[in-house]
Amino acid sequence: MKKSLIALAVLAASGAAMAQSSVTLYGVADAALVKSSGVSAQMGSASIMNNGTSRIGLRGVEDLGGGLTASFNFEQGVNLENGALTGGAAGAWNRAAFVALSGGFGKFQMGRALNPSFFGIAAWELTGTANYSVVGTQFGYAAAGPRNNSMFMYNTPKMGGFSGSFGYVMKPDNGGNAKYDLNLIYANGPLATALSYNSVKNGNDGLALGASYDFGAFKIAGSLQDSDIAGTDADPKGFTLGATVPLGAFALTLDIARDTEFKDTDVLLEGKYALSKRTFAYAAYYKDGDKKLVTGAKNHFSVGVRHNF
């Protein structure tokens, strides 16, 4: 690791070697004291009750001229409890591994990455898509996971607040069933709204339509969720509704996700205190609706610190 950091520092300092180029080392360090019903209190670094999953990543960009740039992103999860890399079968750089070309036409990328459905949810969701977000724990990201392997993705340029993304995974890369994933986003001033949709041929379909509005004294967000999970009766449908109240450096969020199909209501209460622009302390209480018990326990508490670098 030291050799890698030294090499990056040398490259960053070399104007000749890095002319019109840059490589950035970044990451998240997040650790918390976590208590779930029926489970003793313990440390968490990548649990459902951490604000985020600890990680380390590399981003690079090169100016190719004529308004065209090439870029890459590699990102790996890290367990702060023992220093181990996380991801298991997903392998190294399990959180991101892609290359992209960008220009006036937008951005085209290839590899493993967060998918359009995730970015559509993130446009309006109140917690910043925290691990304990009830939107994510109840409905997923339009009934899908946050990432796709082997994905071709195109992002449009932003036009007056409007943007869109389209992702596609070919049949051989998805067990013989092609998948497409898209979003349409409008974000301008206090208003953000987005449609997320994904579908697997002969498989699952998921849709989420959400919006948020910042009134200054408080911010509200809500969504409608509808999905069809092939071959099962588990078809989450319902809504989310929540609000955030900022009080100086402190912010309090209450968020509710109701699955009307299973009569299952998840509730989140989160408090965050900004210690700096990059570091905050948080406390969260998450209540699982106890119908499906996705997390294996009904009540969850955490107190932690997240540092972004």
Protein backbone atom coordinates (compact mmCIF):
# COMPACT_ATOMS: atom_id res chain seq x y z
CA MET A 1 0.00 0.00 0.00
CA LYS A 2 2.82 2.40 0.89
CA LYS A 3 4.50 1.76 -2.48
CA SER A 4 1.22 2.41 -4.27
CA LEU A 5 0.67 5.69 -2.42
CA ILE A 6 4.25 6.78 -3.10
CA ALA A 7 3.80 5.96 -6.78
CA LEU A 8 0.59 7.99 -6.90
CA ALA A 9 2.28 10.90 -5.17
CA VAL A 10 5.17 10.84 -7.65
CA LEU A 11 2.79 10.75 -10.61
CA ALA A 12 0.69 13.56 -9.17
CA ALA A 13 3.79 15.70 -8.68
CA SER A 14 5.09 15.08 -12.20
CA GLY A 15 3.64 17.70 -14.51
CA ALA A 16 5.17 16.00 -17.55
CA ALA A 17 3.85 12.55 -16.72
CA MET A 18 0.43 13.76 -15.68
CA ALA A 19 -0.15 16.60 -18.14
CA GLN A 20 -3.90 16.88 -18.76
CA SER A 21 -4.43 13.87 -16.45
CA SER A 22 -5.21 13.18 -12.81
CA VAL A 23 -5.59 10.21 -10.47
CA THR A 24 -7.47 10.63 -7.17
CA LEU A 25 -7.36 8.36 -4.14
CA TYR A 26 -10.64 8.61 -2.17
CA GLY A 27 -12.71 6.67 0.29
CA VAL A 28 -15.03 6.39 3.27
CA ALA A 29 -14.21 5.34 6.83
CA ASP A 30 -17.40 4.52 8.76
CA ALA A 31 -17.61 2.68 12.08
CA ALA A 32 -20.47 2.42 14.57
CA LEU A 33 -21.72 0.76 17.72
CA VAL A 34 -24.64 -1.38 16.54
CA LYS A 35 -27.41 -3.06 18.58
CA SER A 36 -30.16 -5.20 17.09
CA SER A 37 -32.97 -6.92 18.97
CA GLY A 38 -31.85 -10.36 20.08
CA VAL A 39 -28.20 -9.59 19.28
CA SER A 40 -25.57 -8.18 21.65
CA ALA A 41 -24.11 -4.74 20.91
CA GLN A 42 -21.10 -4.88 18.60
CA MET A 43 -18.97 -2.84 16.24
CA GLY A 44 -20.20 -2.40 12.66
CA SER A 45 -18.27 -1.24 9.59
CA ALA A 46 -20.38 -2.53 6.71
CA SER A 47 -23.63 -3.39 8.48
CA ILE A 48 -27.16 -2.33 7.67
CA MET A 49 -26.87 0.18 10.54
CA ASN A 50 -23.76 1.97 9.24
CA ASN A 51 -24.46 5.19 7.40
CA GLY A 52 -22.19 3.93 4.63
CA THR A 53 -19.88 1.04 3.85
CA SER A 54 -16.18 1.75 4.41
CA ARG A 55 -14.29 1.75 1.12
CA ILE A 56 -11.22 2.87 -0.78
CA GLY A 57 -11.14 3.82 -4.43
CA LEU A 58 -9.20 5.28 -7.33
CA ARG A 59 -10.56 7.67 -9.96
CA GLY A 60 -8.63 8.81 -12.98
CA VAL A 61 -9.31 11.13 -15.89
CA GLU A 62 -7.35 12.10 -19.01
CA ASP A 63 -8.10 14.99 -21.36
CA LEU A 64 -7.97 13.54 -24.89
CA GLY A 65 -8.52 16.90 -26.57
CA GLY A 66 -11.43 18.17 -28.60
CA GLY A 67 -13.71 18.06 -25.56
CA LEU A 68 -13.24 14.30 -25.12
CA THR A 69 -12.03 12.72 -21.86
CA ALA A 70 -11.27 9.16 -20.77
CA SER A 71 -11.82 8.05 -17.19
CA PHE A 72 -11.82 5.03 -14.91
CA ASN A 73 -13.02 4.10 -11.43
CA PHE A 74 -11.96 1.19 -9.19
CA GLU A 75 -13.53 0.86 -5.73
CA GLN A 76 -13.10 -1.77 -3.00
CA GLY A 77 -14.95 -2.30 0.28
CA VAL A 78 -12.91 -2.35 3.51
CA ASN A 79 -13.85 -3.81 6.90
CA LEU A 80 -12.66 -1.40 9.61
CA GLU A 81 -13.09 -4.08 12.27
CA ASN A 82 -10.20 -6.20 11.00
CA GLY A 83 -8.76 -4.38 7.98
CA ALA A 84 -9.96 -7.08 5.56
CA LEU A 85 -11.21 -6.32 2.09
CA THR A 86 -14.93 -7.03 1.72
CA GLY A 87 -16.92 -8.42 -1.15
CA GLY A 88 -16.24 -12.14 -0.98
CA ALA A 89 -17.22 -13.81 -4.26
CA ALA A 90 -17.58 -10.40 -5.90
CA GLY A 91 -13.76 -10.17 -5.87
CA ALA A 92 -11.45 -7.20 -5.58
CA TRP A 93 -12.79 -3.80 -6.67
CA ASN A 94 -16.24 -5.23 -6.00
CA ARG A 95 -17.92 -1.83 -5.70
CA ALA A 96 -16.78 -0.35 -9.03
CA ALA A 97 -14.58 -1.32 -11.96
CA PHE A 98 -15.26 0.55 -15.20
CA VAL A 99 -13.81 2.68 -18.00
CA ALA A 100 -15.62 5.60 -19.65
CA LEU A 101 -15.49 8.19 -22.42
CA SER A 102 -17.13 11.60 -21.91
CA GLY A 103 -17.79 14.64 -24.06
CA GLY A 104 -20.49 16.96 -25.30
CA PHE A 105 -22.54 13.86 -26.14
CA GLY A 106 -22.64 12.79 -22.48
CA LYS A 107 -20.85 9.80 -20.95
CA PHE A 108 -20.52 6.19 -22.08
CA GLN A 109 -19.05 3.61 -19.69
CA MET A 110 -18.44 -0.13 -19.53
CA GLY A 111 -17.97 -2.39 -16.49
CA ARG A 112 -19.32 -2.92 -12.97
CA ALA A 113 -20.98 0.19 -11.56
CA LEU A 114 -23.91 1.67 -9.69
CA ASN A 115 -26.91 1.38 -11.96
CA PRO A 116 -29.37 4.00 -13.28
CA SER A 117 -32.12 2.85 -10.89
CA PHE A 118 -29.83 3.60 -7.95
CA PHE A 119 -29.02 7.10 -9.20
CA GLY A 120 -32.71 7.78 -9.79
CA ILE A 121 -33.49 6.91 -6.15
CA ALA A 122 -30.47 8.89 -4.91
CA ALA A 123 -31.77 12.05 -6.63
CA TRP A 124 -34.54 12.47 -4.02
CA GLU A 125 -33.90 10.02 -1.12
CA LEU A 126 -33.38 11.84 2.20
CA THR A 127 -30.50 9.94 3.85
CA GLY A 128 -28.10 10.00 0.90
CA THR A 129 -28.90 6.30 0.28
CA ALA A 130 -27.50 5.28 3.68
CA ASN A 131 -27.19 1.56 4.43
CA TYR A 132 -30.19 1.91 6.76
CA SER A 133 -32.38 3.80 4.26
CA VAL A 134 -35.91 2.39 4.53
CA VAL A 135 -36.40 3.06 0.83
CA GLY A 136 -33.55 0.66 0.07
CA THR A 137 -34.31 -1.92 2.77
CA GLN A 138 -38.02 -2.10 1.95
CA PHE A 139 -38.04 -1.78 -1.85
CA GLY A 140 -34.43 -2.00 -3.02
CA TYR A 141 -33.59 0.34 -5.89
CA ALA A 142 -36.72 -0.11 -7.98
CA ALA A 143 -36.69 -3.73 -6.71
CA ALA A 144 -33.09 -4.22 -7.87
CA GLY A 145 -29.66 -4.17 -6.30
CA PRO A 146 -27.60 -0.98 -6.52
CA ARG A 147 -25.01 -2.35 -9.00
CA ASN A 148 -24.81 -4.25 -12.25
CA ASN A 149 -21.93 -6.31 -13.63
CA SER A 150 -20.90 -6.16 -17.28
CA MET A 151 -23.02 -3.04 -17.84
CA PHE A 152 -22.93 -0.69 -20.80
CA MET A 153 -24.28 2.64 -19.56
CA TYR A 154 -24.98 5.97 -21.24
CA ASN A 155 -25.60 9.22 -19.32
CA THR A 156 -27.05 12.20 -21.18
CA PRO A 157 -25.70 15.73 -20.67
CA LYS A 158 -27.68 17.83 -18.19
CA MET A 159 -30.14 20.08 -20.01
CA GLY A 160 -31.96 22.66 -17.89
CA GLY A 161 -32.08 20.31 -14.92
CA PHE A 162 -33.06 17.27 -16.99
CA SER A 163 -30.83 14.21 -17.40
CA GLY A 164 -31.20 10.51 -18.07
CA SER A 165 -29.23 7.27 -17.93
CA PHE A 166 -29.64 3.97 -19.73
CA GLY A 167 -27.86 0.76 -18.77
CA TYR A 168 -27.83 -2.57 -20.60
CA VAL A 169 -26.47 -5.99 -19.65
CA MET A 170 -26.31 -8.51 -22.49
CA LYS A 171 -27.76 -12.03 -22.27
CA PRO A 172 -24.50 -13.98 -21.86
CA ASP A 173 -23.48 -11.65 -19.01
CA ASN A 174 -26.73 -12.13 -17.08
CA GLY A 175 -27.50 -15.86 -17.07
CA GLY A 176 -29.04 -15.82 -20.55
CA ASN A 177 -31.50 -13.00 -19.82
CA ALA A 178 -30.73 -9.47 -20.97
CA LYS A 179 -31.36 -6.63 -18.53
CA TYR A 180 -32.00 -2.95 -19.08
CA ASP A 181 -32.03 -0.23 -16.45
CA LEU A 182 -32.88 3.45 -16.82
CA ASN A 183 -33.69 6.70 -15.07
CA LEU A 184 -35.11 10.09 -15.97
CA ILE A 185 -34.18 12.89 -13.54
CA TYR A 186 -35.16 16.51 -13.10
CA ALA A 187 -33.17 18.37 -10.45
CA ASN A 188 -33.26 22.15 -10.37
CA GLY A 189 -33.26 24.39 -7.31
CA PRO A 190 -35.31 22.99 -4.43
CA LEU A 191 -37.08 20.35 -6.55
CA ALA A 192 -35.75 16.92 -7.48
CA THR A 193 -37.82 14.20 -9.09
CA ALA A 194 -36.87 10.94 -10.80
CA LEU A 195 -38.25 7.85 -12.46
CA SER A 196 -36.28 4.61 -12.03
CA TYR A 197 -37.10 1.48 -14.02
CA ASN A 198 -35.37 -1.83 -14.68
CA SER A 199 -36.38 -5.09 -16.29
CA VAL A 200 -34.87 -8.52 -16.87
CA LYS A 201 -36.18 -10.47 -19.87
CA ASN A 202 -38.35 -13.31 -18.56
CA GLY A 203 -37.64 -12.00 -15.07
CA ASN A 204 -38.08 -9.12 -12.66
CA ASP A 205 -39.47 -5.64 -13.29
CA GLY A 206 -39.17 -2.71 -10.90
CA LEU A 207 -40.36 0.89 -10.98
CA ALA A 208 -39.99 3.83 -8.58
CA LEU A 209 -41.26 7.38 -9.04
CA GLY A 210 -40.08 9.80 -6.35
CA ALA A 211 -39.56 13.46 -5.60
CA SER A 212 -38.21 15.80 -2.93
CA TYR A 213 -38.68 19.51 -2.26
CA ASP A 214 -36.50 21.67 -0.03
CA PHE A 215 -38.49 24.45 1.67
CA GLY A 216 -35.41 25.69 3.56
CA ALA A 217 -36.80 25.12 7.04
CA PHE A 218 -37.44 21.47 6.13
CA LYS A 219 -37.26 19.07 3.21
CA ILE A 220 -39.88 16.47 2.26
CA ALA A 221 -39.64 13.42 0.00
CA GLY A 222 -41.99 10.71 -1.17
CA SER A 223 -42.28 7.97 -3.75
CA LEU A 224 -44.50 5.33 -5.32
CA GLN A 225 -43.02 1.84 -5.73
CA ASP A 226 -44.18 -1.06 -7.91
CA SER A 227 -42.39 -4.28 -8.84
CA ASP A 228 -42.91 -7.78 -10.18
CA ILE A 229 -40.53 -10.48 -8.96
CA ALA A 230 -40.73 -13.38 -11.43
CA GLY A 231 -41.74 -16.79 -10.10
CA THR A 232 -42.68 -15.58 -6.61
CA ASP A 233 -45.49 -13.88 -4.74
CA ALA A 234 -43.00 -11.30 -3.42
CA ASP A 235 -44.04 -8.27 -5.46
CA PRO A 236 -43.30 -5.21 -3.30
CA LYS A 237 -45.71 -2.36 -3.94
CA GLY A 238 -46.30 0.75 -1.89
CA PHE A 239 -44.98 4.17 -1.03
CA THR A 240 -42.43 6.11 1.00
CA LEU A 241 -42.83 9.41 2.81
CA GLY A 242 -40.38 11.38 4.93
CA ALA A 243 -38.95 14.73 6.02
CA THR A 244 -35.64 16.21 7.12
CA VAL A 245 -35.37 19.21 9.45
CA PRO A 246 -31.97 20.99 9.55
CA LEU A 247 -31.05 22.68 12.82
CA GLY A 248 -27.69 24.33 12.21
CA ALA A 249 -25.05 21.60 12.03
CA PHE A 250 -27.64 19.01 13.13
CA ALA A 251 -30.25 17.36 10.88
CA LEU A 252 -33.13 15.11 11.93
CA THR A 253 -34.80 12.75 9.43
CA LEU A 254 -37.95 10.66 9.75
CA ASP A 255 -38.67 8.29 6.86
CA ILE A 256 -41.42 5.70 6.41
CA ALA A 257 -41.71 2.97 3.76
CA ARG A 258 -45.02 1.11 3.49
CA ASP A 259 -45.35 -2.12 1.51
CA THR A 260 -49.10 -2.26 0.87
CA GLU A 261 -48.85 -5.78 -0.58
CA PHE A 262 -47.54 -7.28 2.68
CA LYS A 263 -48.98 -4.65 5.08
CA ASP A 264 -45.38 -4.03 6.16
CA THR A 265 -44.17 -0.62 7.41
CA ASP A 266 -40.48 0.19 7.94
CA VAL A 267 -39.56 3.29 9.96
CA LEU A 268 -36.26 5.17 10.22
CA LEU A 269 -35.28 7.96 12.60
CA GLU A 270 -31.84 9.44 11.90
CA GLY A 271 -29.86 12.26 13.50
CA LYS A 272 -26.66 13.61 11.94
CA TYR A 273 -24.25 16.21 13.28
CA ALA A 274 -21.69 17.75 10.91
CA LEU A 275 -18.25 17.95 12.53
CA SER A 276 -16.77 19.33 9.29
CA LYS A 277 -17.54 19.28 5.57
CA ARG A 278 -16.22 15.73 5.33
CA THR A 279 -16.98 14.21 8.74
CA PHE A 280 -20.21 13.69 10.66
CA ALA A 281 -21.51 11.76 13.66
CA TYR A 282 -24.82 9.94 13.37
CA ALA A 283 -27.37 8.03 15.39
CA ALA A 284 -30.11 5.92 13.82
CA TYR A 285 -33.08 3.77 14.79
CA TYR A 286 -34.53 1.45 12.18
CA LYS A 287 -37.68 -0.62 12.75
CA ASP A 288 -38.40 -3.49 10.39
CA GLY A 289 -42.14 -4.00 9.79
CA ASP A 290 -41.77 -7.61 11.01
CA LYS A 291 -43.62 -9.16 8.08
CA LYS A 292 -40.63 -10.26 6.01
CA LEU A 293 -37.85 -9.43 8.50
CA VAL A 294 -35.33 -8.85 5.73
CA THR A 295 -32.70 -8.01 8.34
CA GLY A 296 -33.46 -10.91 10.71
CA ALA A 297 -34.39 -8.59 13.59
CA LYS A 298 -37.14 -6.07 14.26
CA ASN A 299 -35.34 -3.18 16.00
CA HIS A 300 -31.91 -1.78 15.17
CA PHE A 301 -29.89 1.04 16.77
CA SER A 302 -26.53 2.56 15.91
CA VAL A 303 -24.23 5.43 16.88
CA GLY A 304 -21.28 6.09 14.60
CA VAL A 305 -18.88 8.38 12.79
CA ARG A 306 -18.36 8.69 9.04
CA HIS A 307 -15.31 10.38 7.48
CA ASN A 308 -15.08 10.99 3.73
CA PHE A 309 -11.66 11.57 2.17
